[in-house]
Amino acid sequence: MSTKTTTAPAEEAEARPGIARQIAESNALMGLLAVVTAMIVGSVLILIADPDVRVTAGYFFARPSDFLGAVGTSLTEAYTALLRGGIFDWQASTPARMWRPITETLTVATPLILAGLGMAVAFRAGLFNVGGQGQIILGAMLGGYIGFTFHLPAGLGLVAAVLGTVVGGMLWGAIPGLLKALTGASEVITTIMLNSISTFLLAHALTTDAFIGEGNANPKSLPVLAGSQYPRLLGDSFRLHLGFLVALAAAVFVWWLLERSEIGFQFRATGLNPEAARTAGISVPRVTVLVMLVSGALCGLAASGPVLGTQHYLTTSIAGSVGFDAMTVALLGRSKPLGTVLAGLLFGALTAGGTTMQAATGTPIDIVLVLQSTIVLFIAAPPLVRAIYRLPAPGSWKRSRREAASSPAAGAASTTATQEA
């Protein structure tokens, strides 16, 4: 005689959540709702800044239609201008001007994607690299110096300048990595300090003849030679350059590194649990140094966008706020390569479209900055977003099943079939 126990079909169906439940618990939906919530907050700020809305609000109870009309007009004009400036300008007079906004978005997004990938690598390994700004500056200095100093053939000059940006960022990232590995110094503090050092180092470099030339007092470097510049992808009418394709290639590389390579597995294992990784034979100090090298190299590569692609010279503001915005991009992208690329494109569109929105409607461009900061706020507080939209927490269905299985009613409901031979 033999017995065979089978699980009822209903119990098998409950072994995993339904599609709706999976979507509700997903991080992707949480990120989308964080952006939507930030847009709502931005809409409120746009309305507050609009004088017509403020005037009509003063006699709202007398003629509410005036207020509602002003609200609709203000939001429609603002977000229409944002789309025209960041995606497609259907009011432009020529096809080139119509498509220029999307090319500007891709151009602005290029350094954000590259630096965001550098931040994502560090985040996945459990490190918080706040030194992207400094690594971009060092990458710009070394890559720019090679670009305007060495007269090399076109292809070779570009490769040398790009490698210079990578090496500059890598060296600046190696310092906090070594300090963390050898002494346990916090990478947050050391990278912040290195940001300040790099800023003053660039300011000093732009007073030397090696960077600005003899007899020049203007804090602006010599121009990068034509052979070391990124070629334009769509001709001289657009600023979009080869750096965008480099950013996409870097995203593919980061995906392979983190998801398919042995060293990437060590990165992720160390980020999840350093003690467990050490027990498994992974050298955590070695991983720490390698992570900061890769992260710094990608941040340094981000400098190739403005130095070799758009600006073609060094100034004290060469890095802008890319190093800090990149942390937002990586957080919004959940430290995944595809998510980081999409987040970089979103922030590129907001930046490119914000200028048009300000020019067309008079909306302060600072609202775009507040919008970006609000996105960070909601991304950094997933429980807040889930509470606002009443979304279940990830994995909550498993707890529900365990509680249901432990109840007396669940034990009585389970069925077994016994077959006798």
Protein backbone atom coordinates (compact mmCIF):
# COMPACT_ATOMS: atom_id res chain seq x y z
CA MET A 1 0.00 0.00 0.00
CA SER A 2 1.32 3.49 -0.85
CA THR A 3 -0.02 6.96 -0.20
CA LYS A 4 0.33 10.08 -2.33
CA THR A 5 -0.40 13.58 -1.09
CA THR A 6 -1.32 16.26 -3.62
CA THR A 7 -1.95 19.93 -3.17
CA ALA A 8 -5.31 21.24 -4.21
CA PRO A 9 -5.43 23.44 -7.31
CA ALA A 10 -6.76 26.34 -5.28
CA GLU A 11 -3.73 26.19 -2.97
CA GLU A 12 -1.36 26.10 -5.96
CA ALA A 13 -3.03 29.19 -7.38
CA GLU A 14 -2.38 31.00 -4.12
CA ALA A 15 1.33 30.13 -4.19
CA ARG A 16 2.06 33.36 -5.98
CA PRO A 17 0.22 36.71 -6.14
CA GLY A 18 -1.98 37.69 -9.04
CA ILE A 19 -0.89 40.09 -11.77
CA ALA A 20 -2.68 43.03 -10.15
CA ARG A 21 -1.04 42.29 -6.82
CA GLN A 22 2.40 42.00 -8.42
CA ILE A 23 1.94 45.38 -10.13
CA ALA A 24 0.71 47.00 -6.92
CA GLU A 25 3.74 45.75 -4.99
CA SER A 26 6.29 46.54 -7.72
CA ASN A 27 8.97 49.16 -7.29
CA ALA A 28 8.33 50.35 -10.86
CA LEU A 29 4.79 51.46 -9.99
CA MET A 30 6.08 53.10 -6.82
CA GLY A 31 8.61 55.08 -8.87
CA LEU A 32 5.96 56.14 -11.38
CA LEU A 33 3.64 57.29 -8.62
CA ALA A 34 6.48 59.21 -7.01
CA VAL A 35 6.93 61.14 -10.26
CA VAL A 36 3.16 61.70 -10.56
CA THR A 37 2.95 62.94 -6.97
CA ALA A 38 5.87 65.28 -7.58
CA MET A 39 4.10 66.61 -10.68
CA ILE A 40 1.04 67.34 -8.55
CA VAL A 41 3.19 69.27 -6.09
CA GLY A 42 4.78 71.10 -9.02
CA SER A 43 1.36 71.99 -10.36
CA VAL A 44 0.46 73.63 -7.06
CA LEU A 45 3.65 75.71 -7.20
CA ILE A 46 2.94 76.72 -10.81
CA LEU A 47 -0.52 77.91 -9.79
CA ILE A 48 0.85 79.87 -6.84
CA ALA A 49 3.38 81.60 -9.13
CA ASP A 50 0.73 82.55 -11.73
CA PRO A 51 -0.60 86.10 -11.13
CA ASP A 52 -3.91 85.43 -12.92
CA VAL A 53 -4.63 82.50 -10.63
CA ARG A 54 -3.88 84.60 -7.56
CA VAL A 55 -6.13 87.43 -8.75
CA THR A 56 -9.09 85.19 -9.60
CA ALA A 57 -8.68 83.36 -6.30
CA GLY A 58 -9.47 86.65 -4.56
CA TYR A 59 -13.07 86.59 -5.79
CA PHE A 60 -13.47 82.82 -6.09
CA PHE A 61 -16.87 82.67 -4.39
CA ALA A 62 -18.25 85.43 -6.60
CA ARG A 63 -17.15 83.88 -9.92
CA PRO A 64 -15.53 80.47 -9.42
CA SER A 65 -15.49 79.92 -13.19
CA ASP A 66 -12.81 82.60 -13.58
CA PHE A 67 -10.57 80.85 -11.07
CA LEU A 68 -11.07 77.40 -12.60
CA GLY A 69 -10.43 78.80 -16.07
CA ALA A 70 -7.22 80.47 -14.93
CA VAL A 71 -6.09 77.23 -13.28
CA GLY A 72 -6.74 75.23 -16.44
CA THR A 73 -5.01 77.79 -18.65
CA SER A 74 -1.99 78.06 -16.37
CA LEU A 75 -1.38 74.32 -16.11
CA THR A 76 -2.08 73.69 -19.80
CA GLU A 77 0.31 76.40 -20.95
CA ALA A 78 3.04 75.37 -18.49
CA TYR A 79 3.07 71.67 -19.30
CA THR A 80 2.53 72.29 -23.00
CA ALA A 81 5.62 74.49 -22.99
CA LEU A 82 7.49 71.79 -21.05
CA LEU A 83 6.61 69.25 -23.75
CA ARG A 84 7.52 71.65 -26.53
CA GLY A 85 10.89 72.34 -24.95
CA GLY A 86 11.73 68.76 -24.02
CA ILE A 87 10.09 66.49 -26.60
CA PHE A 88 8.64 68.05 -29.77
CA ASP A 89 7.87 71.65 -30.69
CA TRP A 90 4.87 71.45 -33.02
CA GLN A 91 4.71 75.26 -33.19
CA ALA A 92 8.17 75.63 -34.71
CA SER A 93 8.53 76.93 -38.25
CA THR A 94 10.93 74.30 -39.60
CA PRO A 95 11.28 70.52 -39.14
CA ALA A 96 14.74 71.01 -37.63
CA ARG A 97 13.35 73.30 -34.94
CA MET A 98 10.48 70.88 -34.31
CA TRP A 99 12.81 67.98 -33.53
CA ARG A 100 15.50 69.97 -31.76
CA PRO A 101 13.89 69.63 -28.28
CA ILE A 102 14.23 65.83 -28.19
CA THR A 103 17.85 66.07 -29.30
CA GLU A 104 18.50 68.60 -26.54
CA THR A 105 16.93 66.21 -24.05
CA LEU A 106 19.24 63.41 -25.18
CA THR A 107 22.24 65.76 -25.03
CA VAL A 108 21.47 66.96 -21.51
CA ALA A 109 20.72 63.40 -20.39
CA THR A 110 24.08 62.01 -21.57
CA PRO A 111 26.22 63.05 -18.56
CA LEU A 112 23.32 62.33 -16.20
CA ILE A 113 23.07 58.75 -17.47
CA LEU A 114 26.81 58.14 -17.22
CA ALA A 115 27.17 59.61 -13.75
CA GLY A 116 23.95 57.92 -12.66
CA LEU A 117 25.37 54.57 -13.72
CA GLY A 118 28.43 55.27 -11.58
CA MET A 119 26.20 55.99 -8.60
CA ALA A 120 24.12 52.89 -9.30
CA VAL A 121 27.18 50.63 -9.19
CA ALA A 122 28.15 52.06 -5.80
CA PHE A 123 24.61 51.79 -4.43
CA ARG A 124 24.29 48.16 -5.50
CA ALA A 125 27.51 47.40 -3.63
CA GLY A 126 26.32 49.09 -0.44
CA LEU A 127 28.46 52.22 -0.84
CA PHE A 128 27.15 55.79 -0.99
CA ASN A 129 29.36 57.68 -3.40
CA VAL A 130 28.71 61.38 -2.82
CA GLY A 131 31.85 62.33 -4.73
CA GLY A 132 30.47 62.20 -8.24
CA GLN A 133 30.93 65.94 -8.58
CA GLY A 134 34.64 65.74 -7.78
CA GLN A 135 35.15 62.73 -10.01
CA ILE A 136 33.49 64.56 -12.90
CA ILE A 137 35.75 67.56 -12.34
CA LEU A 138 38.92 65.45 -12.32
CA GLY A 139 37.74 63.60 -15.39
CA ALA A 140 37.07 66.90 -17.13
CA MET A 141 40.48 68.26 -16.18
CA LEU A 142 42.47 65.27 -17.43
CA GLY A 143 40.34 64.64 -20.51
CA GLY A 144 40.21 68.31 -21.40
CA TYR A 145 43.97 68.74 -20.92
CA ILE A 146 44.65 65.85 -23.30
CA GLY A 147 42.09 67.25 -25.72
CA PHE A 148 43.61 70.71 -26.08
CA THR A 149 47.29 69.83 -25.59
CA PHE A 150 48.12 66.84 -27.77
CA HIS A 151 47.73 67.16 -31.53
CA LEU A 152 46.70 63.62 -32.39
CA PRO A 153 44.82 62.21 -35.40
CA ALA A 154 41.05 62.63 -35.17
CA GLY A 155 40.10 59.14 -33.99
CA LEU A 156 43.13 58.68 -31.74
CA GLY A 157 42.74 62.11 -30.18
CA LEU A 158 39.12 61.41 -29.26
CA VAL A 159 39.95 58.02 -27.77
CA ALA A 160 42.80 59.50 -25.74
CA ALA A 161 40.63 62.32 -24.41
CA VAL A 162 37.79 59.93 -23.49
CA LEU A 163 40.22 57.62 -21.72
CA GLY A 164 41.58 60.66 -19.92
CA THR A 165 38.15 61.42 -18.45
CA VAL A 166 37.83 57.78 -17.35
CA VAL A 167 41.26 57.71 -15.71
CA GLY A 168 40.70 61.06 -13.98
CA GLY A 169 37.44 59.92 -12.41
CA MET A 170 38.90 56.51 -11.56
CA LEU A 171 41.86 58.00 -9.71
CA TRP A 172 39.64 60.34 -7.73
CA GLY A 173 37.31 57.47 -6.87
CA ALA A 174 40.20 55.25 -5.80
CA ILE A 175 41.12 57.58 -2.92
CA PRO A 176 37.93 57.10 -0.85
CA GLY A 177 37.88 53.43 -1.87
CA LEU A 178 41.36 52.83 -0.46
CA LEU A 179 40.61 54.86 2.67
CA LYS A 180 37.45 52.82 3.23
CA ALA A 181 39.20 49.50 2.64
CA LEU A 182 42.34 50.21 4.68
CA THR A 183 41.10 52.38 7.52
CA GLY A 184 37.31 52.03 7.51
CA ALA A 185 36.85 55.75 6.81
CA SER A 186 33.32 56.65 5.75
CA GLU A 187 33.12 57.07 1.99
CA VAL A 188 30.41 59.70 2.49
CA ILE A 189 32.72 62.03 4.39
CA THR A 190 35.81 61.44 2.24
CA THR A 191 33.97 61.92 -1.05
CA ILE A 192 32.37 65.15 0.19
CA MET A 193 35.79 66.47 1.17
CA LEU A 194 37.23 65.45 -2.20
CA ASN A 195 34.45 67.40 -3.93
CA SER A 196 35.71 70.58 -2.30
CA ILE A 197 39.33 69.74 -3.08
CA SER A 198 38.57 69.12 -6.75
CA THR A 199 36.65 72.41 -7.02
CA PHE A 200 39.60 74.42 -5.72
CA LEU A 201 42.01 72.34 -7.78
CA LEU A 202 40.14 73.23 -10.96
CA ALA A 203 40.00 76.90 -9.96
CA HIS A 204 43.77 76.89 -9.49
CA ALA A 205 44.38 75.04 -12.76
CA LEU A 206 42.44 77.73 -14.63
CA THR A 207 45.03 80.29 -13.50
CA THR A 208 48.00 78.40 -14.96
CA ASP A 209 49.48 78.79 -18.43
CA ALA A 210 49.17 75.05 -19.04
CA PHE A 211 45.38 75.33 -19.03
CA ILE A 212 44.54 78.87 -20.14
CA GLY A 213 47.61 79.74 -22.21
CA GLU A 214 50.23 82.44 -21.78
CA GLY A 215 49.09 85.98 -21.17
CA ASN A 216 45.47 85.04 -20.56
CA ALA A 217 43.77 86.02 -17.29
CA ASN A 218 40.31 84.69 -18.18
CA PRO A 219 39.47 81.57 -16.07
CA LYS A 220 38.63 79.57 -19.15
CA SER A 221 40.78 76.84 -20.64
CA LEU A 222 42.08 76.52 -24.16
CA PRO A 223 39.53 74.98 -26.55
CA VAL A 224 39.56 71.24 -27.14
CA LEU A 225 41.05 70.46 -30.54
CA ALA A 226 38.61 69.40 -33.26
CA GLY A 227 40.18 65.94 -33.50
CA SER A 228 39.39 65.28 -29.83
CA GLN A 229 35.74 66.36 -29.93
CA TYR A 230 32.74 64.07 -30.11
CA PRO A 231 31.31 64.16 -33.64
CA ARG A 232 27.76 65.42 -34.04
CA LEU A 233 25.30 62.62 -34.81
CA LEU A 234 22.77 64.73 -36.73
CA GLY A 235 24.89 67.47 -38.24
CA ASP A 236 25.73 70.96 -37.06
CA SER A 237 22.06 71.92 -36.65
CA PHE A 238 21.81 69.78 -33.52
CA ARG A 239 24.06 69.43 -30.47
CA LEU A 240 23.48 65.69 -30.07
CA HIS A 241 26.87 63.98 -30.19
CA LEU A 242 28.49 60.56 -30.05
CA GLY A 243 28.59 60.73 -26.26
CA PHE A 244 24.95 59.65 -26.12
CA LEU A 245 25.80 56.35 -27.80
CA VAL A 246 28.72 56.01 -25.38
CA ALA A 247 26.25 56.41 -22.51
CA LEU A 248 24.01 53.66 -23.92
CA ALA A 249 27.03 51.39 -24.37
CA ALA A 250 28.05 52.11 -20.77
CA ALA A 251 24.56 51.09 -19.60
CA VAL A 252 24.90 47.75 -21.40
CA PHE A 253 28.33 47.28 -19.84
CA VAL A 254 27.03 48.00 -16.34
CA TRP A 255 24.17 45.53 -16.87
CA TRP A 256 26.64 42.84 -17.92
CA LEU A 257 28.99 43.71 -15.07
CA LEU A 258 26.34 43.53 -12.36
CA GLU A 259 24.14 40.75 -13.68
CA ARG A 260 26.42 38.43 -15.65
CA SER A 261 29.98 38.72 -14.35
CA GLU A 262 31.60 37.11 -11.32
CA ILE A 263 32.91 40.40 -9.98
CA GLY A 264 29.41 41.87 -10.35
CA PHE A 265 28.06 39.04 -8.21
CA GLN A 266 30.63 39.94 -5.58
CA PHE A 267 29.54 43.58 -5.78
CA ARG A 268 25.91 42.64 -5.19
CA ALA A 269 26.69 40.11 -2.48
CA THR A 270 28.76 42.65 -0.57
CA GLY A 271 26.01 45.22 -0.90
CA LEU A 272 23.36 42.84 0.43
CA ASN A 273 25.37 41.51 3.39
CA PRO A 274 29.08 42.25 3.83
CA GLU A 275 29.46 39.76 6.67
CA ALA A 276 27.91 36.93 4.69
CA ALA A 277 30.06 37.86 1.69
CA ARG A 278 33.18 37.76 3.87
CA THR A 279 32.15 34.36 5.23
CA ALA A 280 31.73 33.10 1.65
CA GLY A 281 35.35 34.03 0.91
CA ILE A 282 34.80 37.40 -0.79
CA SER A 283 37.40 40.04 0.03
CA VAL A 284 35.22 42.98 1.06
CA PRO A 285 38.12 45.53 1.08
CA ARG A 286 39.07 44.47 -2.46
CA VAL A 287 35.47 44.78 -3.60
CA THR A 288 35.23 48.22 -1.99
CA VAL A 289 38.22 49.50 -3.94
CA LEU A 290 37.00 47.97 -7.22
CA VAL A 291 33.52 49.44 -6.78
CA MET A 292 34.87 52.93 -6.23
CA LEU A 293 37.19 52.55 -9.23
CA VAL A 294 34.29 51.58 -11.50
CA SER A 295 31.98 54.22 -10.02
CA GLY A 296 34.63 56.93 -10.36
CA ALA A 297 35.45 55.86 -13.92
CA LEU A 298 31.80 56.19 -14.99
CA CYS A 299 31.45 59.57 -13.26
CA GLY A 300 34.66 60.74 -14.93
CA LEU A 301 33.32 59.54 -18.28
CA ALA A 302 30.28 61.73 -17.69
CA ALA A 303 32.61 64.74 -18.02
CA SER A 304 33.23 63.82 -21.66
CA GLY A 305 29.73 65.08 -22.49
CA PRO A 306 30.27 68.79 -21.79
CA VAL A 307 34.06 68.84 -22.37
CA LEU A 308 34.25 66.90 -25.63
CA GLY A 309 30.67 67.17 -26.85
CA THR A 310 29.05 70.54 -26.17
CA GLN A 311 31.20 73.09 -24.34
CA HIS A 312 34.69 72.12 -25.62
CA TYR A 313 36.58 73.97 -22.87
CA LEU A 314 36.94 74.01 -19.11
CA THR A 315 35.39 76.50 -16.72
CA THR A 316 34.82 76.44 -12.98
CA SER A 317 31.22 75.38 -13.65
CA ILE A 318 32.07 72.56 -16.05
CA ALA A 319 30.42 69.92 -13.85
CA GLY A 320 27.31 71.99 -13.14
CA SER A 321 25.17 69.99 -10.72
CA VAL A 322 25.49 66.71 -12.62
CA GLY A 323 27.28 64.93 -9.79
CA PHE A 324 24.45 65.62 -7.37
CA ASP A 325 21.63 65.13 -9.89
CA ALA A 326 23.14 61.76 -10.76
CA MET A 327 22.31 60.48 -7.27
CA THR A 328 18.69 61.37 -7.92
CA VAL A 329 18.81 59.63 -11.30
CA ALA A 330 20.26 56.45 -9.76
CA LEU A 331 17.70 56.46 -6.95
CA LEU A 332 14.81 56.99 -9.36
CA GLY A 333 16.16 54.23 -11.57
CA ARG A 334 16.39 51.85 -8.60
CA SER A 335 20.13 51.49 -9.31
CA LYS A 336 19.33 49.39 -12.40
CA PRO A 337 20.91 50.26 -15.78
CA LEU A 338 17.62 50.51 -17.70
CA GLY A 339 15.95 52.46 -14.92
CA THR A 340 18.92 54.82 -14.72
CA VAL A 341 18.79 55.48 -18.47
CA LEU A 342 15.04 56.23 -18.31
CA ALA A 343 15.48 58.44 -15.24
CA GLY A 344 18.30 60.32 -16.98
CA LEU A 345 16.05 60.93 -19.99
CA LEU A 346 13.29 62.20 -17.70
CA PHE A 347 15.59 64.66 -15.97
CA GLY A 348 17.06 65.68 -19.31
CA ALA A 349 13.56 66.47 -20.59
CA LEU A 350 12.74 68.45 -17.45
CA THR A 351 15.93 70.48 -17.77
CA ALA A 352 15.57 71.11 -21.51
CA GLY A 353 11.85 71.85 -21.26
CA GLY A 354 12.17 74.07 -18.20
CA THR A 355 13.87 76.81 -20.20
CA THR A 356 11.06 76.87 -22.74
CA MET A 357 8.46 76.82 -19.98
CA GLN A 358 10.06 79.85 -18.36
CA ALA A 359 10.32 81.75 -21.65
CA ALA A 360 6.79 80.94 -22.84
CA THR A 361 4.80 81.29 -19.62
CA GLY A 362 7.04 83.17 -17.21
CA THR A 363 7.03 80.20 -14.82
CA PRO A 364 10.21 80.32 -12.71
CA ILE A 365 12.66 77.62 -13.78
CA ASP A 366 13.33 77.02 -10.09
CA ILE A 367 10.03 75.12 -10.05
CA VAL A 368 11.69 72.48 -12.22
CA LEU A 369 14.43 72.16 -9.61
CA VAL A 370 11.80 71.85 -6.89
CA LEU A 371 10.08 69.19 -9.01
CA GLN A 372 13.31 67.19 -9.23
CA SER A 373 13.89 67.54 -5.50
CA THR A 374 10.34 66.44 -4.75
CA ILE A 375 10.84 63.33 -6.85
CA VAL A 376 13.86 62.52 -4.68
CA LEU A 377 11.77 63.04 -1.55
CA PHE A 378 9.11 60.58 -2.61
CA ILE A 379 11.59 58.08 -4.02
CA ALA A 380 13.47 58.11 -0.72
CA ALA A 381 10.24 57.46 1.23
CA PRO A 382 8.48 54.47 -0.39
CA PRO A 383 6.20 53.91 2.65
CA LEU A 384 4.88 57.46 2.22
CA VAL A 385 3.96 56.89 -1.43
CA ARG A 386 2.41 53.51 -0.64
CA ALA A 387 0.41 55.07 2.20
CA ILE A 388 -0.89 57.89 -0.04
CA TYR A 389 -2.11 55.49 -2.73
CA ARG A 390 -2.90 52.60 -0.35
CA LEU A 391 -0.51 50.20 -2.07
CA PRO A 392 0.53 46.94 -0.41
CA ALA A 393 4.14 46.59 0.68
CA PRO A 394 6.40 44.23 -1.32
CA GLY A 395 6.08 40.66 -0.05
CA SER A 396 2.98 41.39 2.02
CA TRP A 397 1.09 38.60 0.21
CA LYS A 398 3.55 36.09 1.65
CA ARG A 399 2.81 37.26 5.17
CA SER A 400 -0.91 37.06 4.45
CA ARG A 401 -0.55 33.47 3.25
CA ARG A 402 1.50 32.48 6.28
CA GLU A 403 -1.08 33.97 8.62
CA ALA A 404 -3.88 32.25 6.72
CA ALA A 405 -2.02 28.93 6.75
CA SER A 406 -1.47 29.13 10.51
CA SER A 407 -5.17 29.65 11.26
CA PRO A 408 -7.36 26.62 12.20
CA ALA A 409 -9.73 27.27 9.31
CA ALA A 410 -6.88 27.05 6.79
CA GLY A 411 -5.80 23.68 8.19
CA ALA A 412 -9.32 22.30 7.82
CA ALA A 413 -9.58 23.59 4.24
CA SER A 414 -6.45 21.81 2.95
CA THR A 415 -7.26 18.67 1.02
CA THR A 416 -5.27 15.53 0.37
CA ALA A 417 -5.99 12.65 -1.92
CA THR A 418 -4.95 9.19 -0.85
CA GLN A 419 -4.49 6.51 -3.45
CA GLU A 420 -4.07 2.83 -2.51
CA ALA A 421 -2.33 0.35 -4.72
